[in-house]
PDB file of N, CA and C in Angstrom:
ATOM      1  N   MET A   1     -38.471   2.635  -5.749  1.00  0.00           N
ATOM      2  CA  MET A   1     -39.455   1.807  -5.162  1.00  0.00           C
ATOM      3  C   MET A   1     -39.150   1.527  -3.654  1.00  0.00           C
ATOM      4  N   ALA A   2     -37.784   1.508  -3.279  1.00  0.00           N
ATOM      5  CA  ALA A   2     -37.234   1.123  -1.940  1.00  0.00           C
ATOM      6  C   ALA A   2     -37.370   2.548  -1.139  1.00  0.00           C
ATOM      7  N   ILE A   3     -37.200   3.773  -1.881  1.00  0.00           N
ATOM      8  CA  ILE A   3     -37.255   4.947  -1.217  1.00  0.00           C
ATOM      9  C   ILE A   3     -38.660   5.409  -0.869  1.00  0.00           C
ATOM     10  N   GLU A   4     -39.668   4.764  -1.716  1.00  0.00           N
ATOM     11  CA  GLU A   4     -41.098   5.126  -1.452  1.00  0.00           C
ATOM     12  C   GLU A   4     -41.517   4.329  -0.184  1.00  0.00           C
ATOM     13  N   VAL A   5     -40.915   3.066   0.009  1.00  0.00           N
ATOM     14  CA  VAL A   5     -41.287   2.334   1.009  1.00  0.00           C
ATOM     15  C   VAL A   5     -40.819   2.865   2.251  1.00  0.00           C
ATOM     16  N   LEU A   6     -39.551   3.401   2.201  1.00  0.00           N
ATOM     17  CA  LEU A   6     -38.911   3.947   3.264  1.00  0.00           C
ATOM     18  C   LEU A   6     -39.449   5.415   3.772  1.00  0.00           C
ATOM     19  N   ASN A   7     -40.090   6.007   2.978  1.00  0.00           N
ATOM     20  CA  ASN A   7     -40.888   7.217   3.264  1.00  0.00           C
ATOM     21  C   ASN A   7     -42.066   7.018   4.091  1.00  0.00           C
ATOM     22  N   GLU A   8     -42.584   5.676   4.109  1.00  0.00           N
ATOM     23  CA  GLU A   8     -43.688   5.616   5.020  1.00  0.00           C
ATOM     24  C   GLU A   8     -43.331   5.524   6.271  1.00  0.00           C
ATOM     25  N   PHE A   9     -42.028   5.145   6.607  1.00  0.00           N
ATOM     26  CA  PHE A   9     -41.665   5.249   8.195  1.00  0.00           C
ATOM     27  C   PHE A   9     -41.216   6.511   8.630  1.00  0.00           C
ATOM     28  N   ASP A  10     -41.056   6.773   9.938  1.00  0.00           N
ATOM     29  CA  ASP A  10     -40.506   8.001  10.442  1.00  0.00           C
ATOM     30  C   ASP A  10     -39.180   8.133  10.178  1.00  0.00           C
ATOM     31  N   LYS A  11     -38.584   9.326  10.186  1.00  0.00           N
ATOM     32  CA  LYS A  11     -37.086   9.868   9.670  1.00  0.00           C
ATOM     33  C   LYS A  11     -36.222   9.229  10.608  1.00  0.00           C
ATOM     34  N   ALA A  12     -36.387   9.077  11.921  1.00  0.00           N
ATOM     35  CA  ALA A  12     -35.462   8.540  12.894  1.00  0.00           C
ATOM     36  C   ALA A  12     -35.184   6.924  12.500  1.00  0.00           C
ATOM     37  N   PHE A  13     -36.257   6.235  12.297  1.00  0.00           N
ATOM     38  CA  PHE A  13     -36.020   4.958  11.723  1.00  0.00           C
ATOM     39  C   PHE A  13     -35.243   4.791  10.555  1.00  0.00           C
ATOM     40  N   ARG A  14     -35.681   5.722   9.442  1.00  0.00           N
ATOM     41  CA  ARG A  14     -35.150   5.671   8.106  1.00  0.00           C
ATOM     42  C   ARG A  14     -33.617   5.944   8.207  1.00  0.00           C
ATOM     43  N   ASP A  15     -33.296   6.957   9.050  1.00  0.00           N
ATOM     44  CA  ASP A  15     -31.799   7.303   9.113  1.00  0.00           C
ATOM     45  C   ASP A  15     -31.146   6.312   9.719  1.00  0.00           C
ATOM     46  N   GLU A  16     -31.573   5.553  10.756  1.00  0.00           N
ATOM     47  CA  GLU A  16     -31.017   4.282  11.411  1.00  0.00           C
ATOM     48  C   GLU A  16     -30.877   3.046  10.450  1.00  0.00           C
ATOM     49  N   LEU A  17     -31.763   2.977   9.554  1.00  0.00           N
ATOM     50  CA  LEU A  17     -31.652   2.007   8.632  1.00  0.00           C
ATOM     51  C   LEU A  17     -30.757   2.145   7.555  1.00  0.00           C
ATOM     52  N   LEU A  18     -30.510   3.362   7.200  1.00  0.00           N
ATOM     53  CA  LEU A  18     -29.598   3.831   6.052  1.00  0.00           C
ATOM     54  C   LEU A  18     -28.154   3.751   6.592  1.00  0.00           C
ATOM     55  N   ALA A  19     -28.027   4.134   7.800  1.00  0.00           N
ATOM     56  CA  ALA A  19     -26.732   4.119   8.678  1.00  0.00           C
ATOM     57  C   ALA A  19     -26.278   2.717   8.574  1.00  0.00           C
ATOM     58  N   GLU A  20     -27.234   1.731   9.133  1.00  0.00           N
ATOM     59  CA  GLU A  20     -26.766   0.466   9.213  1.00  0.00           C
ATOM     60  C   GLU A  20     -26.341  -0.284   7.802  1.00  0.00           C
ATOM     61  N   LEU A  21     -27.057   0.047   6.688  1.00  0.00           N
ATOM     62  CA  LEU A  21     -26.748  -0.491   5.319  1.00  0.00           C
ATOM     63  C   LEU A  21     -25.558   0.096   4.893  1.00  0.00           C
ATOM     64  N   VAL A  22     -25.151   1.312   5.138  1.00  0.00           N
ATOM     65  CA  VAL A  22     -23.719   2.022   4.909  1.00  0.00           C
ATOM     66  C   VAL A  22     -22.696   1.131   5.514  1.00  0.00           C
ATOM     67  N   GLU A  23     -23.040   0.894   6.784  1.00  0.00           N
ATOM     68  CA  GLU A  23     -22.058   0.327   7.701  1.00  0.00           C
ATOM     69  C   GLU A  23     -21.727  -1.218   7.146  1.00  0.00           C
ATOM     70  N   LEU A  24     -22.862  -1.980   6.683  1.00  0.00           N
ATOM     71  CA  LEU A  24     -22.710  -3.214   6.261  1.00  0.00           C
ATOM     72  C   LEU A  24     -22.072  -3.160   4.796  1.00  0.00           C
ATOM     73  N   ASN A  25     -22.199  -2.218   4.014  1.00  0.00           N
ATOM     74  CA  ASN A  25     -21.552  -2.061   2.750  1.00  0.00           C
ATOM     75  C   ASN A  25     -19.934  -1.758   2.939  1.00  0.00           C
ATOM     76  N   ARG A  26     -19.704  -1.005   3.968  1.00  0.00           N
ATOM     77  CA  ARG A  26     -18.094  -0.868   4.273  1.00  0.00           C
ATOM     78  C   ARG A  26     -17.638  -2.055   4.802  1.00  0.00           C
ATOM     79  N   GLU A  27     -18.265  -2.932   5.539  1.00  0.00           N
ATOM     80  CA  GLU A  27     -17.915  -4.044   6.010  1.00  0.00           C
ATOM     81  C   GLU A  27     -17.609  -5.259   4.791  1.00  0.00           C
ATOM     82  N   ALA A  28     -18.490  -5.198   3.971  1.00  0.00           N
ATOM     83  CA  ALA A  28     -18.405  -6.192   2.744  1.00  0.00           C
ATOM     84  C   ALA A  28     -17.333  -5.571   1.969  1.00  0.00           C
ATOM     85  N   PHE A  29     -17.187  -4.387   1.795  1.00  0.00           N
ATOM     86  CA  PHE A  29     -16.111  -3.852   0.863  1.00  0.00           C
ATOM     87  C   PHE A  29     -14.678  -4.194   1.509  1.00  0.00           C
ATOM     88  N   ALA A  30     -14.511  -4.126   2.762  1.00  0.00           N
ATOM     89  CA  ALA A  30     -13.394  -4.513   3.414  1.00  0.00           C
ATOM     90  C   ALA A  30     -12.912  -6.009   3.300  1.00  0.00           C
ATOM     91  N   ILE A  31     -13.907  -6.750   3.497  1.00  0.00           N
ATOM     92  CA  ILE A  31     -13.850  -8.348   3.257  1.00  0.00           C
ATOM     93  C   ILE A  31     -13.237  -8.606   2.011  1.00  0.00           C
ATOM     94  N   VAL A  32     -13.895  -7.863   1.040  1.00  0.00           N
ATOM     95  CA  VAL A  32     -13.641  -8.245  -0.494  1.00  0.00           C
ATOM     96  C   VAL A  32     -12.239  -7.821  -0.641  1.00  0.00           C
ATOM     97  N   LYS A  33     -11.795  -6.506  -0.412  1.00  0.00           N
ATOM     98  CA  LYS A  33     -10.570  -5.942  -0.293  1.00  0.00           C
ATOM     99  C   LYS A  33      -9.469  -6.951   0.047  1.00  0.00           C
ATOM    100  N   GLU A  34      -9.591  -7.420   1.305  1.00  0.00           N
ATOM    101  CA  GLU A  34      -8.899  -8.419   1.914  1.00  0.00           C
ATOM    102  C   GLU A  34      -8.494  -9.770   1.101  1.00  0.00           C
ATOM    103  N   GLU A  35      -9.681 -10.089   0.661  1.00  0.00           N
ATOM    104  CA  GLU A  35      -9.668 -11.232  -0.225  1.00  0.00           C
ATOM    105  C   GLU A  35      -8.957 -11.054  -1.470  1.00  0.00           C
ATOM    106  N   LEU A  36      -9.042 -10.180  -2.078  1.00  0.00           N
ATOM    107  CA  LEU A  36      -8.279  -9.907  -3.161  1.00  0.00           C
ATOM    108  C   LEU A  36      -6.634  -9.484  -2.875  1.00  0.00           C
ATOM    109  N   LYS A  37      -6.432  -8.929  -1.808  1.00  0.00           N
ATOM    110  CA  LYS A  37      -5.165  -8.881  -1.484  1.00  0.00           C
ATOM    111  C   LYS A  37      -4.521  -9.941  -1.216  1.00  0.00           C
ATOM    112  N   ASN A  38      -5.061 -11.001  -0.577  1.00  0.00           N
ATOM    113  CA  ASN A  38      -4.474 -12.425  -0.489  1.00  0.00           C
ATOM    114  C   ASN A  38      -4.433 -13.318  -1.544  1.00  0.00           C
ATOM    115  N   ASP A  39      -5.242 -12.949  -2.613  1.00  0.00           N
ATOM    116  CA  ASP A  39      -5.257 -13.762  -3.785  1.00  0.00           C
ATOM    117  C   ASP A  39      -3.987 -13.704  -4.683  1.00  0.00           C
ATOM    118  N   SER A  40      -3.411 -14.783  -4.694  1.00  0.00           N
ATOM    119  CA  SER A  40      -2.235 -14.968  -5.405  1.00  0.00           C
ATOM    120  C   SER A  40      -2.243 -15.698  -6.734  1.00  0.00           C
ATOM    121  N   LYS A  41      -1.669 -15.242  -7.829  1.00  0.00           N
ATOM    122  CA  LYS A  41      -1.888 -16.056  -9.112  1.00  0.00           C
ATOM    123  C   LYS A  41      -0.367 -16.572  -9.237  1.00  0.00           C
ATOM    124  N   TRP A  42      -0.052 -17.852  -9.278  1.00  0.00           N
ATOM    125  CA  TRP A  42       1.230 -18.406  -9.362  1.00  0.00           C
ATOM    126  C   TRP A  42       1.468 -18.765 -10.852  1.00  0.00           C
ATOM    127  N   VAL A  43       2.490 -18.487 -11.445  1.00  0.00           N
ATOM    128  CA  VAL A  43       2.846 -18.555 -12.850  1.00  0.00           C
ATOM    129  C   VAL A  43       4.182 -19.079 -13.056  1.00  0.00           C
ATOM    130  N   GLY A  44       4.409 -19.798 -14.034  1.00  0.00           N
ATOM    131  CA  GLY A  44       5.884 -20.391 -14.519  1.00  0.00           C
ATOM    132  C   GLY A  44       6.586 -19.196 -15.134  1.00  0.00           C
ATOM    133  N   ILE A  45       7.954 -19.466 -15.399  1.00  0.00           N
ATOM    134  CA  ILE A  45       8.785 -18.528 -15.994  1.00  0.00           C
ATOM    135  C   ILE A  45       8.427 -17.945 -17.296  1.00  0.00           C
ATOM    136  N   LYS A  46       7.819 -18.820 -18.137  1.00  0.00           N
ATOM    137  CA  LYS A  46       7.593 -18.492 -19.554  1.00  0.00           C
ATOM    138  C   LYS A  46       6.419 -17.334 -19.485  1.00  0.00           C
ATOM    139  N   VAL A  47       5.344 -17.593 -18.720  1.00  0.00           N
ATOM    140  CA  VAL A  47       4.319 -16.627 -18.584  1.00  0.00           C
ATOM    141  C   VAL A  47       5.098 -15.305 -17.832  1.00  0.00           C
ATOM    142  N   LEU A  48       5.749 -15.448 -16.833  1.00  0.00           N
ATOM    143  CA  LEU A  48       6.239 -14.358 -16.124  1.00  0.00           C
ATOM    144  C   LEU A  48       6.968 -13.498 -17.223  1.00  0.00           C
ATOM    145  N   VAL A  49       7.912 -14.051 -17.991  1.00  0.00           N
ATOM    146  CA  VAL A  49       8.585 -13.364 -18.978  1.00  0.00           C
ATOM    147  C   VAL A  49       7.568 -12.568 -19.928  1.00  0.00           C
ATOM    148  N   GLU A  50       6.534 -13.134 -20.421  1.00  0.00           N
ATOM    149  CA  GLU A  50       5.510 -12.498 -21.206  1.00  0.00           C
ATOM    150  C   GLU A  50       5.040 -11.394 -20.562  1.00  0.00           C
ATOM    151  N   LYS A  51       4.493 -11.652 -19.432  1.00  0.00           N
ATOM    152  CA  LYS A  51       3.676 -10.479 -18.573  1.00  0.00           C
ATOM    153  C   LYS A  51       4.614  -9.313 -18.199  1.00  0.00           C
ATOM    154  N   THR A  52       5.804  -9.584 -17.923  1.00  0.00           N
ATOM    155  CA  THR A  52       6.716  -8.472 -17.474  1.00  0.00           C
ATOM    156  C   THR A  52       7.450  -7.960 -18.434  1.00  0.00           C
ATOM    157  N   GLY A  53       7.852  -8.512 -19.611  1.00  0.00           N
ATOM    158  CA  GLY A  53       8.641  -7.874 -20.611  1.00  0.00           C
ATOM    159  C   GLY A  53      10.073  -8.194 -20.147  1.00  0.00           C
ATOM    160  N   ARG A  54      10.367  -8.683 -19.148  1.00  0.00           N
ATOM    161  CA  ARG A  54      11.789  -8.734 -18.683  1.00  0.00           C
ATOM    162  C   ARG A  54      12.372 -10.055 -19.173  1.00  0.00           C
ATOM    163  N   SER A  55      13.759 -10.344 -19.188  1.00  0.00           N
ATOM    164  CA  SER A  55      14.299 -11.358 -19.651  1.00  0.00           C
ATOM    165  C   SER A  55      14.421 -12.471 -18.523  1.00  0.00           C
ATOM    166  N   ARG A  56      14.539 -13.670 -19.018  1.00  0.00           N
ATOM    167  CA  ARG A  56      14.385 -14.772 -18.095  1.00  0.00           C
ATOM    168  C   ARG A  56      15.529 -14.671 -17.221  1.00  0.00           C
ATOM    169  N   LYS A  57      16.783 -14.318 -17.486  1.00  0.00           N
ATOM    170  CA  LYS A  57      18.015 -14.292 -16.750  1.00  0.00           C
ATOM    171  C   LYS A  57      17.827 -13.320 -15.575  1.00  0.00           C
ATOM    172  N   GLU A  58      17.244 -12.000 -15.935  1.00  0.00           N
ATOM    173  CA  GLU A  58      17.067 -11.162 -15.010  1.00  0.00           C
ATOM    174  C   GLU A  58      16.292 -11.480 -13.913  1.00  0.00           C
ATOM    175  N   LEU A  59      15.003 -12.104 -14.469  1.00  0.00           N
ATOM    176  CA  LEU A  59      13.948 -12.507 -13.349  1.00  0.00           C
ATOM    177  C   LEU A  59      14.592 -13.836 -12.492  1.00  0.00           C
ATOM    178  N   GLU A  60      15.262 -14.605 -13.088  1.00  0.00           N
ATOM    179  CA  GLU A  60      15.943 -15.610 -12.452  1.00  0.00           C
ATOM    180  C   GLU A  60      17.045 -15.066 -11.343  1.00  0.00           C
ATOM    181  N   ARG A  61      17.703 -13.949 -11.712  1.00  0.00           N
ATOM    182  CA  ARG A  61      18.635 -13.259 -10.779  1.00  0.00           C
ATOM    183  C   ARG A  61      17.839 -12.643  -9.599  1.00  0.00           C
ATOM    184  N   LEU A  62      16.862 -11.972  -9.951  1.00  0.00           N
ATOM    185  CA  LEU A  62      16.111 -11.425  -8.759  1.00  0.00           C
ATOM    186  C   LEU A  62      15.473 -12.486  -7.828  1.00  0.00           C
ATOM    187  N   ARG A  63      15.086 -13.601  -8.477  1.00  0.00           N
ATOM    188  CA  ARG A  63      14.464 -14.831  -7.687  1.00  0.00           C
ATOM    189  C   ARG A  63      15.687 -15.214  -6.787  1.00  0.00           C
ATOM    190  N   ASP A  64      16.622 -15.323  -7.233  1.00  0.00           N
ATOM    191  CA  ASP A  64      17.800 -15.867  -6.414  1.00  0.00           C
ATOM    192  C   ASP A  64      18.266 -14.950  -5.282  1.00  0.00           C
ATOM    193  N   GLN A  65      18.068 -13.516  -5.617  1.00  0.00           N
ATOM    194  CA  GLN A  65      18.312 -12.526  -4.533  1.00  0.00           C
ATOM    195  C   GLN A  65      17.107 -12.683  -3.414  1.00  0.00           C
ATOM    196  N   GLY A  66      16.093 -13.271  -3.799  1.00  0.00           N
ATOM    197  CA  GLY A  66      15.038 -13.406  -2.794  1.00  0.00           C
ATOM    198  C   GLY A  66      13.994 -12.062  -2.915  1.00  0.00           C
ATOM    199  N   VAL A  67      14.039 -11.331  -3.922  1.00  0.00           N
ATOM    200  CA  VAL A  67      13.388 -10.036  -4.138  1.00  0.00           C
ATOM    201  C   VAL A  67      11.991 -10.268  -4.040  1.00  0.00           C
ATOM    202  N   PHE A  68      11.369 -11.256  -4.734  1.00  0.00           N
ATOM    203  CA  PHE A  68      10.012 -11.326  -4.685  1.00  0.00           C
ATOM    204  C   PHE A  68       9.592 -13.059  -4.416  1.00  0.00           C
ATOM    205  N   ARG A  69       8.335 -13.221  -3.970  1.00  0.00           N
ATOM    206  CA  ARG A  69       7.919 -14.470  -3.564  1.00  0.00           C
ATOM    207  C   ARG A  69       7.913 -15.557  -4.743  1.00  0.00           C
ATOM    208  N   CYS A  70       8.421 -16.838  -4.576  1.00  0.00           N
ATOM    209  CA  CYS A  70       8.310 -18.015  -5.532  1.00  0.00           C
ATOM    210  C   CYS A  70       8.431 -19.092  -4.617  1.00  0.00           C
ATOM    211  N   HIS A  71       8.037 -20.320  -5.243  1.00  0.00           N
ATOM    212  CA  HIS A  71       8.328 -21.575  -4.477  1.00  0.00           C
ATOM    213  C   HIS A  71       8.422 -22.634  -5.595  1.00  0.00           C
ATOM    214  N   ARG A  72       9.062 -23.617  -5.211  1.00  0.00           N
ATOM    215  CA  ARG A  72       9.393 -24.869  -6.036  1.00  0.00           C
ATOM    216  C   ARG A  72       7.981 -25.857  -6.071  1.00  0.00           C
ATOM    217  N   THR A  73       7.747 -26.455  -7.327  1.00  0.00           N
ATOM    218  CA  THR A  73       6.744 -27.520  -7.292  1.00  0.00           C
ATOM    219  C   THR A  73       7.062 -28.807  -6.561  1.00  0.00           C
ATOM    220  N   GLY A  74       8.363 -29.003  -6.413  1.00  0.00           N
ATOM    221  CA  GLY A  74       8.728 -30.312  -5.771  1.00  0.00           C
ATOM    222  C   GLY A  74      10.111 -30.011  -4.994  1.00  0.00           C
ATOM    223  N   LYS A  75      10.586 -31.165  -4.605  1.00  0.00           N
ATOM    224  CA  LYS A  75      12.022 -31.198  -3.941  1.00  0.00           C
ATOM    225  C   LYS A  75      13.088 -31.589  -4.841  1.00  0.00           C
ATOM    226  N   SER A  76      12.685 -32.251  -5.941  1.00  0.00           N
ATOM    227  CA  SER A  76      13.813 -32.811  -6.776  1.00  0.00           C
ATOM    228  C   SER A  76      14.378 -31.694  -7.405  1.00  0.00           C
ATOM    229  N   ILE A  77      15.513 -31.909  -8.111  1.00  0.00           N
ATOM    230  CA  ILE A  77      16.371 -30.729  -8.821  1.00  0.00           C
ATOM    231  C   ILE A  77      15.687 -30.456 -10.101  1.00  0.00           C
ATOM    232  N   ASN A  78      14.697 -31.196 -10.572  1.00  0.00           N
ATOM    233  CA  ASN A  78      14.114 -31.038 -11.802  1.00  0.00           C
ATOM    234  C   ASN A  78      12.775 -30.225 -11.687  1.00  0.00           C
ATOM    235  N   SER A  79      12.434 -29.932 -10.408  1.00  0.00           N
ATOM    236  CA  SER A  79      11.212 -29.286 -10.026  1.00  0.00           C
ATOM    237  C   SER A  79      11.280 -27.794 -10.641  1.00  0.00           C
ATOM    238  N   LYS A  80      10.085 -27.233 -10.925  1.00  0.00           N
ATOM    239  CA  LYS A  80       9.891 -25.967 -11.450  1.00  0.00           C
ATOM    240  C   LYS A  80       9.520 -24.949 -10.500  1.00  0.00           C
ATOM    241  N   TYR A  81       9.809 -23.692 -10.665  1.00  0.00           N
ATOM    242  CA  TYR A  81       9.803 -22.507  -9.823  1.00  0.00           C
ATOM    243  C   TYR A  81       8.216 -22.022 -10.316  1.00  0.00           C
ATOM    244  N   LEU A  82       7.626 -21.716  -9.339  1.00  0.00           N
ATOM    245  CA  LEU A  82       6.255 -20.915  -9.617  1.00  0.00           C
ATOM    246  C   LEU A  82       6.573 -19.451  -8.965  1.00  0.00           C
ATOM    247  N   TYR A  83       5.867 -18.487  -9.494  1.00  0.00           N
ATOM    248  CA  TYR A  83       6.197 -17.151  -9.126  1.00  0.00           C
ATOM    249  C   TYR A  83       4.887 -16.404  -8.799  1.00  0.00           C
ATOM    250  N   ASP A  84       4.787 -15.556  -7.892  1.00  0.00           N
ATOM    251  CA  ASP A  84       3.656 -14.851  -7.567  1.00  0.00           C
ATOM    252  C   ASP A  84       3.627 -13.505  -8.440  1.00  0.00           C
ATOM    253  N   LEU A  85       2.838 -13.542  -9.390  1.00  0.00           N
ATOM    254  CA  LEU A  85       2.759 -12.722 -10.656  1.00  0.00           C
ATOM    255  C   LEU A  85       2.404 -11.166  -9.895  1.00  0.00           C
ATOM    256  N   ALA A  86       1.472 -11.074  -9.024  1.00  0.00           N
ATOM    257  CA  ALA A  86       1.252  -9.733  -8.416  1.00  0.00           C
ATOM    258  C   ALA A  86       2.484  -9.339  -7.621  1.00  0.00           C
ATOM    259  N   ASP A  87       3.233  -9.959  -6.987  1.00  0.00           N
ATOM    260  CA  ASP A  87       4.418  -9.578  -6.220  1.00  0.00           C
ATOM    261  C   ASP A  87       5.454  -9.267  -7.190  1.00  0.00           C
ATOM    262  N   VAL A  88       5.733  -9.893  -8.107  1.00  0.00           N
ATOM    263  CA  VAL A  88       6.790  -9.663  -9.059  1.00  0.00           C
ATOM    264  C   VAL A  88       6.434  -8.293  -9.827  1.00  0.00           C
ATOM    265  N   GLN A  89       5.238  -8.158 -10.222  1.00  0.00           N
ATOM    266  CA  GLN A  89       4.868  -6.732 -10.875  1.00  0.00           C
ATOM    267  C   GLN A  89       5.009  -5.656  -9.982  1.00  0.00           C
ATOM    268  N   ARG A  90       4.663  -5.998  -8.651  1.00  0.00           N
ATOM    269  CA  ARG A  90       4.863  -4.837  -7.730  1.00  0.00           C
ATOM    270  C   ARG A  90       6.402  -4.356  -7.477  1.00  0.00           C
ATOM    271  N   VAL A  91       7.386  -5.590  -7.446  1.00  0.00           N
ATOM    272  CA  VAL A  91       8.579  -5.176  -7.318  1.00  0.00           C
ATOM    273  C   VAL A  91       9.245  -4.460  -8.500  1.00  0.00           C
ATOM    274  N   LEU A  92       8.746  -4.862  -9.732  1.00  0.00           N
ATOM    275  CA  LEU A  92       9.297  -4.247 -10.852  1.00  0.00           C
ATOM    276  C   LEU A  92       8.724  -2.847 -10.975  1.00  0.00           C
ATOM    277  N   ARG A  93       7.635  -2.532 -10.591  1.00  0.00           N
ATOM    278  CA  ARG A  93       6.910  -1.147 -10.622  1.00  0.00           C
ATOM    279  C   ARG A  93       7.979  -0.213  -9.662  1.00  0.00           C
ATOM    280  N   LYS A  94       8.184  -0.779  -8.570  1.00  0.00           N
ATOM    281  CA  LYS A  94       9.147   0.064  -7.574  1.00  0.00           C
ATOM    282  C   LYS A  94      10.482   0.393  -8.236  1.00  0.00           C
ATOM    283  N   GLY A  95      10.908  -0.505  -9.229  1.00  0.00           N
ATOM    284  CA  GLY A  95      12.210  -0.226  -9.916  1.00  0.00           C
ATOM    285  C   GLY A  95      13.435  -1.020  -9.277  1.00  0.00           C
ATOM    286  N   VAL A  96      13.629  -2.036  -9.909  1.00  0.00           N
ATOM    287  CA  VAL A  96      14.732  -2.756  -9.393  1.00  0.00           C
ATOM    288  C   VAL A  96      15.815  -2.769 -10.256  1.00  0.00           C
TER     289      VAL A  96
END
């Protein structure tokens, strides 16, 4: 249906319109790609062990070495660590 409407216009206008549509799609794709790249899923150690199949001790050793991103939920000694799941999986894929 949209093609039929476009056929009513001259070729130069149609080509310009389609080129603009392609450019808008590229920009939208770049924006979504950037948003997905910055999206982090923070998980606890139990979920991390389940998702990676690695032992808790190995993951804690790598955490202490600063190999992947993590942060504490608070400042007390009893606060828990949260891990960036995508970053941990990326590091493990590289082979640590």
